[in-house]
N, C-alpha and C. Protein backbone atom coordinates (compact mmCIF):
# COMPACT_ATOMS: atom_id res chain seq x y z
N MET A 1 0.68 -1.15 -0.05
CA MET A 1 0.14 -0.08 -0.06
C MET A 1 0.99 1.29 -0.05
N ARG A 2 0.46 2.17 -0.70
CA ARG A 2 1.25 3.35 -0.69
C ARG A 2 0.11 4.63 -0.58
N PHE A 3 0.39 5.59 0.46
CA PHE A 3 -0.60 6.46 0.66
C PHE A 3 -0.08 7.80 0.14
N VAL A 4 -0.91 8.68 -0.14
CA VAL A 4 -0.56 10.12 -0.43
C VAL A 4 -1.48 11.13 0.19
N MET A 5 -1.00 12.20 0.30
CA MET A 5 -1.83 13.22 1.02
C MET A 5 -2.42 14.26 -0.08
N LEU A 6 -4.02 14.23 -0.07
CA LEU A 6 -4.62 14.83 -0.77
C LEU A 6 -5.63 15.80 0.05
N LYS A 7 -6.38 16.77 -0.61
CA LYS A 7 -7.16 17.46 0.06
C LYS A 7 -8.44 17.13 -0.05
N SER A 8 -9.26 17.11 1.29
CA SER A 8 -10.85 16.61 1.12
C SER A 8 -11.58 17.80 0.57
N ILE A 9 -12.67 17.48 0.40
CA ILE A 9 -13.56 18.49 -0.24
C ILE A 9 -13.61 19.93 0.50
N ASN A 10 -13.42 19.90 1.75
CA ASN A 10 -13.39 20.95 2.77
C ASN A 10 -12.20 21.62 3.05
N GLY A 11 -10.97 21.11 2.20
CA GLY A 11 -9.67 21.52 2.32
C GLY A 11 -8.73 20.87 3.25
N ASP A 12 -9.46 20.24 4.13
CA ASP A 12 -8.45 19.31 4.99
C ASP A 12 -7.80 18.33 4.55
N PRO A 13 -6.64 18.11 5.00
CA PRO A 13 -5.77 16.80 4.57
C PRO A 13 -6.35 15.46 4.69
N MET A 14 -6.27 14.65 3.75
CA MET A 14 -6.67 13.31 3.79
C MET A 14 -5.69 12.28 3.22
N LEU A 15 -5.60 11.10 3.53
CA LEU A 15 -4.59 10.18 3.09
C LEU A 15 -5.36 9.28 2.35
N VAL A 16 -4.91 8.97 1.07
CA VAL A 16 -5.51 7.95 -0.06
C VAL A 16 -4.66 6.98 -0.45
N ASN A 17 -5.02 5.79 -0.26
CA ASN A 17 -4.26 4.53 -0.77
C ASN A 17 -4.25 4.66 -2.12
N ILE A 18 -3.26 4.99 -3.01
CA ILE A 18 -3.03 5.31 -4.36
C ILE A 18 -3.16 3.94 -5.20
N ALA A 19 -2.93 2.82 -4.45
CA ALA A 19 -2.75 1.53 -5.08
C ALA A 19 -4.13 1.01 -5.45
N ALA A 20 -5.24 1.59 -4.65
CA ALA A 20 -6.66 1.24 -4.85
C ALA A 20 -7.43 2.19 -6.03
N VAL A 21 -6.59 3.28 -6.24
CA VAL A 21 -7.30 4.19 -7.26
C VAL A 21 -7.34 3.68 -8.62
N ARG A 22 -8.34 3.64 -9.20
CA ARG A 22 -8.28 3.12 -10.70
C ARG A 22 -8.44 4.29 -11.73
N THR A 23 -9.22 5.31 -11.41
CA THR A 23 -9.51 6.46 -12.43
C THR A 23 -9.55 7.76 -11.60
N VAL A 24 -9.29 8.92 -12.19
CA VAL A 24 -9.38 10.12 -11.67
C VAL A 24 -9.94 11.07 -12.51
N ALA A 25 -10.94 11.69 -12.29
CA ALA A 25 -11.97 12.50 -13.15
C ALA A 25 -12.22 14.05 -12.56
N THR A 26 -12.60 14.97 -13.20
CA THR A 26 -12.65 16.22 -12.92
C THR A 26 -14.33 16.44 -12.95
N ILE A 27 -14.93 17.08 -11.89
CA ILE A 27 -16.19 17.64 -12.03
C ILE A 27 -16.26 18.97 -11.74
N ASN A 28 -17.06 19.90 -11.91
CA ASN A 28 -17.45 21.07 -11.63
C ASN A 28 -18.55 21.22 -10.58
N MET A 29 -18.08 21.61 -9.30
CA MET A 29 -18.96 21.53 -8.16
C MET A 29 -18.99 22.98 -7.60
N ALA A 30 -20.00 23.69 -7.78
CA ALA A 30 -20.22 25.10 -7.25
C ALA A 30 -19.25 26.03 -7.95
N GLY A 31 -18.95 25.93 -9.11
CA GLY A 31 -18.07 26.78 -9.78
C GLY A 31 -16.43 26.44 -9.63
N ALA A 32 -16.26 25.39 -8.95
CA ALA A 32 -14.82 24.94 -8.61
C ALA A 32 -14.54 23.54 -9.24
N ASP A 33 -13.42 23.27 -9.96
CA ASP A 33 -12.98 21.92 -10.44
C ASP A 33 -12.60 21.09 -9.28
N VAL A 34 -13.29 20.19 -8.98
CA VAL A 34 -12.59 19.17 -7.87
C VAL A 34 -12.34 17.65 -8.54
N GLY A 35 -11.77 16.96 -7.97
CA GLY A 35 -11.58 15.45 -8.40
C GLY A 35 -12.36 14.57 -7.94
N VAL A 36 -12.49 13.35 -8.70
CA VAL A 36 -13.31 12.30 -8.52
C VAL A 36 -12.32 11.09 -8.52
N LEU A 37 -12.04 10.43 -7.34
CA LEU A 37 -11.36 9.17 -7.52
C LEU A 37 -12.32 8.10 -7.60
N SER A 38 -11.99 7.14 -8.36
CA SER A 38 -12.77 5.79 -8.56
C SER A 38 -12.08 4.87 -8.08
N PHE A 39 -12.38 4.01 -7.22
CA PHE A 39 -11.84 2.82 -6.67
C PHE A 39 -12.18 1.50 -7.20
N ASP A 40 -13.44 1.19 -7.56
CA ASP A 40 -13.98 0.19 -8.34
C ASP A 40 -15.28 0.74 -8.98
N GLY A 41 -15.96 -0.17 -9.60
CA GLY A 41 -17.30 0.16 -10.14
C GLY A 41 -18.39 0.89 -9.20
N ALA A 42 -18.34 0.65 -7.86
CA ALA A 42 -19.23 1.15 -6.90
C ALA A 42 -18.75 1.91 -5.90
N HIS A 43 -17.49 2.40 -5.85
CA HIS A 43 -16.93 3.38 -5.06
C HIS A 43 -16.20 4.43 -5.60
N GLU A 44 -16.66 5.73 -5.28
CA GLU A 44 -16.02 6.89 -5.82
C GLU A 44 -16.03 7.95 -4.68
N VAL A 45 -14.93 8.63 -4.57
CA VAL A 45 -14.73 9.88 -3.50
C VAL A 45 -14.41 11.03 -4.20
N VAL A 46 -15.03 12.21 -3.86
CA VAL A 46 -14.96 13.60 -4.29
C VAL A 46 -13.87 14.06 -3.39
N VAL A 47 -12.84 14.51 -4.06
CA VAL A 47 -11.71 15.16 -3.28
C VAL A 47 -11.59 16.61 -3.73
N GLY A 48 -11.00 17.56 -2.72
CA GLY A 48 -10.65 18.86 -3.28
C GLY A 48 -9.67 19.12 -4.08
N SER A 49 -8.82 18.14 -4.28
CA SER A 49 -7.61 18.11 -5.12
C SER A 49 -8.16 18.00 -6.57
N THR A 50 -7.32 18.67 -7.55
CA THR A 50 -7.54 18.62 -9.12
C THR A 50 -7.00 17.24 -9.50
N VAL A 51 -7.18 16.91 -10.61
CA VAL A 51 -6.45 15.96 -11.27
C VAL A 51 -5.21 15.99 -11.45
N ILE A 52 -4.63 17.30 -11.72
CA ILE A 52 -3.21 17.62 -11.91
C ILE A 52 -2.60 17.37 -10.51
N GLU A 53 -3.25 17.76 -9.31
CA GLU A 53 -2.65 17.63 -8.08
C GLU A 53 -2.45 16.15 -7.66
N VAL A 54 -3.59 15.42 -8.14
CA VAL A 54 -3.53 14.09 -7.65
C VAL A 54 -2.57 13.22 -8.50
N HIS A 55 -2.41 13.45 -9.83
CA HIS A 55 -1.29 12.91 -10.46
C HIS A 55 0.23 13.33 -9.96
N ALA A 56 0.41 14.55 -9.56
CA ALA A 56 1.60 15.14 -9.06
C ALA A 56 1.92 14.21 -7.70
N ALA A 57 0.89 14.06 -6.94
CA ALA A 57 1.14 13.46 -5.71
C ALA A 57 1.46 12.02 -6.04
N ILE A 58 0.75 11.44 -6.92
CA ILE A 58 1.13 9.92 -7.28
C ILE A 58 2.47 9.85 -7.75
N GLU A 59 2.88 10.75 -8.49
CA GLU A 59 4.16 10.74 -9.29
C GLU A 59 5.34 11.03 -8.07
N ALA A 60 5.07 11.99 -7.20
CA ALA A 60 5.91 12.24 -6.12
C ALA A 60 6.13 11.23 -5.17
N ALA A 61 5.08 10.35 -5.15
CA ALA A 61 5.25 9.00 -4.23
C ALA A 61 5.93 7.84 -5.18
N GLY A 62 6.48 8.19 -6.07
CA GLY A 62 7.29 7.14 -6.88
C GLY A 62 6.50 6.08 -7.69
N GLN A 63 4.98 6.34 -7.81
CA GLN A 63 4.20 5.45 -8.36
C GLN A 63 3.99 5.71 -9.86
N ALA A 64 4.03 4.92 -10.87
CA ALA A 64 3.88 5.23 -12.26
C ALA A 64 2.43 5.29 -12.68
N ILE A 65 2.15 6.21 -13.40
CA ILE A 65 0.71 6.73 -13.76
C ILE A 65 0.53 5.71 -15.23
N ALA A 66 -0.57 5.19 -15.32
CA ALA A 66 -0.70 4.40 -16.53
C ALA A 66 -1.15 5.46 -17.58
N PRO A 67 -0.73 5.25 -18.95
CA PRO A 67 -1.24 6.11 -20.03
C PRO A 67 -2.65 6.19 -20.10
N VAL A 68 -3.31 7.34 -20.62
CA VAL A 68 -4.47 7.49 -20.86
C VAL A 68 -4.74 6.62 -22.21
N ARG A 69 -5.93 5.96 -21.93
CA ARG A 69 -6.33 5.01 -23.18
C ARG A 69 -7.69 5.80 -23.75
N SER A 70 -7.72 5.81 -24.93
CA SER A 70 -8.91 6.39 -25.57
C SER A 70 -9.68 5.21 -26.14
N ILE A 71 -10.87 5.29 -26.16
CA ILE A 71 -11.71 4.09 -26.81
C ILE A 71 -12.31 4.57 -28.05
N ALA A 72 -12.00 3.93 -29.24
CA ALA A 72 -12.36 4.56 -30.43
C ALA A 72 -12.98 3.67 -31.23
């Protein structure tokens, strides 16, 4: 397990096990872009960190990020 520090939706710090994160997306919530972490098909968490901040935290922890795949 590898944990990174992200921001919760209210700005407080939170630890996230990046090994369990499958996807990261952005939604606009009340005019602010926030991240949505998907752990599996049934579990998602909205965080105050943006996708760019999540990727930076993952890379800083030494974890490789899978390339983006497009479905065509």
